[in-house]
Amino acid sequence: QVQLVESGGGLVQPGGSLRLSCAASGITSRMYVMGWYRQAPGKQRELVAKISSGGSTTYADPVKGRFTISRDNAKMTVYLQMDSLKPEDTAVYYCNAVTLREYWGQGMQVTVSS
């Protein structure tokens, strides 16, 4: 059974930083994409960033240059370093993993506010 356990969310002031982590368990394939999505109130869930098992990355335009996604394959963990945070980054952030199936974490709140 695949599980994704997220940590690192919370409240931060504009211009601040947060680092999100997502530890996966139960994935038996070596080839899988991990990523982060977010959903703000009243909006659809959207891709933030994703990274392949080989290290190829994709970023949404609003976060390019501010967020960095990385992964540790040995620990089956993906990270999202978020810098220069803006109020519009406020959302529930979800970890995502795709092998033959797609899996989601439970989501955690990130609030950027003074």
Protein backbone atom coordinates (compact mmCIF):
# COMPACT_ATOMS: atom_id res chain seq x y z
CA GLN A 1 0.00 0.00 0.00
CA VAL A 2 1.44 3.33 -1.09
CA GLN A 3 1.46 6.14 1.44
CA LEU A 4 2.65 9.73 1.09
CA VAL A 5 3.36 11.59 4.33
CA GLU A 6 3.81 15.35 4.06
CA SER A 7 5.43 17.77 6.47
CA GLY A 8 6.70 21.32 6.63
CA GLY A 9 3.64 23.44 6.01
CA GLY A 10 2.57 26.38 8.14
CA LEU A 11 2.37 30.15 8.39
CA VAL A 12 5.08 32.39 6.99
CA GLN A 13 5.39 36.10 6.26
CA PRO A 14 5.63 37.40 2.70
CA GLY A 15 9.19 37.10 1.45
CA GLY A 16 9.87 34.19 3.76
CA SER A 17 10.73 30.57 3.05
CA LEU A 18 9.35 27.13 3.79
CA ARG A 19 10.56 23.66 2.94
CA LEU A 20 7.98 20.96 2.30
CA SER A 21 8.83 17.27 2.52
CA CYS A 22 6.94 14.21 1.35
CA ALA A 23 8.07 10.71 2.28
CA ALA A 24 6.71 7.86 0.20
CA SER A 25 6.39 4.24 1.21
CA GLY A 26 5.16 1.17 -0.58
CA ILE A 27 6.31 2.20 -4.06
CA THR A 28 8.04 -0.77 -5.67
CA SER A 29 8.83 0.75 -9.04
CA ARG A 30 12.10 2.60 -9.59
CA MET A 31 10.49 4.81 -12.20
CA TYR A 32 8.02 7.24 -10.78
CA VAL A 33 7.32 10.94 -10.88
CA MET A 34 6.81 12.87 -7.68
CA GLY A 35 5.45 16.33 -7.41
CA TRP A 36 3.54 19.00 -5.58
CA TYR A 37 0.16 20.44 -6.38
CA ARG A 38 -1.79 23.16 -4.62
CA GLN A 39 -5.37 24.25 -4.28
CA ALA A 40 -6.41 27.69 -3.14
CA PRO A 41 -9.95 28.40 -1.91
CA GLY A 42 -12.36 28.57 -4.84
CA LYS A 43 -9.76 27.43 -7.34
CA GLN A 44 -8.87 24.17 -9.02
CA ARG A 45 -5.94 22.08 -7.94
CA GLU A 46 -2.88 23.03 -9.98
CA LEU A 47 0.60 21.70 -10.56
CA VAL A 48 3.36 23.48 -8.66
CA ALA A 49 6.36 21.36 -9.63
CA LYS A 50 7.26 17.78 -10.44
CA ILE A 51 10.42 15.73 -10.76
CA SER A 52 11.11 12.44 -12.46
CA SER A 53 13.14 9.63 -11.00
CA GLY A 54 15.96 10.76 -13.29
CA GLY A 55 15.84 14.31 -11.98
CA SER A 56 14.02 16.13 -14.78
CA THR A 57 11.93 18.96 -13.38
CA THR A 58 8.86 20.92 -14.40
CA TYR A 59 7.66 24.11 -12.74
CA ALA A 60 4.50 26.14 -13.01
CA ASP A 61 5.18 29.63 -14.34
CA PRO A 62 4.12 31.45 -11.12
CA VAL A 63 6.79 29.66 -9.06
CA LYS A 64 9.71 29.58 -11.49
CA GLY A 65 12.79 31.10 -9.94
CA ARG A 66 11.32 30.97 -6.44
CA PHE A 67 10.63 27.28 -5.78
CA THR A 68 13.01 24.35 -6.12
CA ILE A 69 11.95 20.73 -6.21
CA SER A 70 14.36 17.92 -5.39
CA ARG A 71 14.23 14.28 -4.40
CA ASP A 72 16.21 11.66 -2.57
CA ASN A 73 15.50 8.36 -4.29
CA ALA A 74 17.14 6.30 -1.54
CA LYS A 75 14.76 7.86 1.00
CA MET A 76 11.84 7.98 -1.45
CA THR A 77 11.36 11.59 -0.43
CA VAL A 78 10.60 14.70 -2.43
CA TYR A 79 11.24 18.23 -1.21
CA LEU A 80 9.92 21.62 -2.22
CA GLN A 81 12.02 24.60 -1.18
CA MET A 82 9.83 27.67 -1.38
CA ASP A 83 11.54 31.06 -1.25
CA SER A 84 10.30 34.61 -1.73
CA LEU A 85 6.82 33.48 -0.77
CA LYS A 86 3.86 35.64 -1.75
CA PRO A 87 0.33 35.83 -0.35
CA GLU A 88 -0.91 34.25 -3.58
CA ASP A 89 1.08 31.12 -2.72
CA THR A 90 -1.40 30.49 0.09
CA ALA A 91 -3.08 27.14 -0.54
CA VAL A 92 -3.34 23.55 0.55
CA TYR A 93 -0.31 21.75 -0.86
CA TYR A 94 -0.56 18.10 -1.90
CA CYS A 95 2.19 15.63 -2.57
CA ASN A 96 1.68 13.46 -5.65
CA ALA A 97 3.33 10.30 -6.94
CA VAL A 98 2.71 8.59 -10.26
CA THR A 99 3.79 5.06 -11.06
CA LEU A 100 1.29 2.82 -12.81
CA ARG A 101 -1.26 4.59 -10.63
CA GLU A 102 -1.53 8.02 -9.13
CA TYR A 103 -1.31 8.65 -5.39
CA TRP A 104 -1.95 11.71 -3.24
CA GLY A 105 -0.93 12.89 0.20
CA GLN A 106 -3.45 14.23 2.67
CA GLY A 107 -2.56 17.86 1.98
CA MET A 108 -1.26 20.55 4.28
CA GLN A 109 -1.93 24.24 4.63
CA VAL A 110 0.61 26.86 3.61
CA THR A 111 -0.37 30.40 4.56
CA VAL A 112 1.63 33.44 3.51
CA SER A 113 0.47 36.43 5.48
CA SER A 114 1.78 39.29 7.57
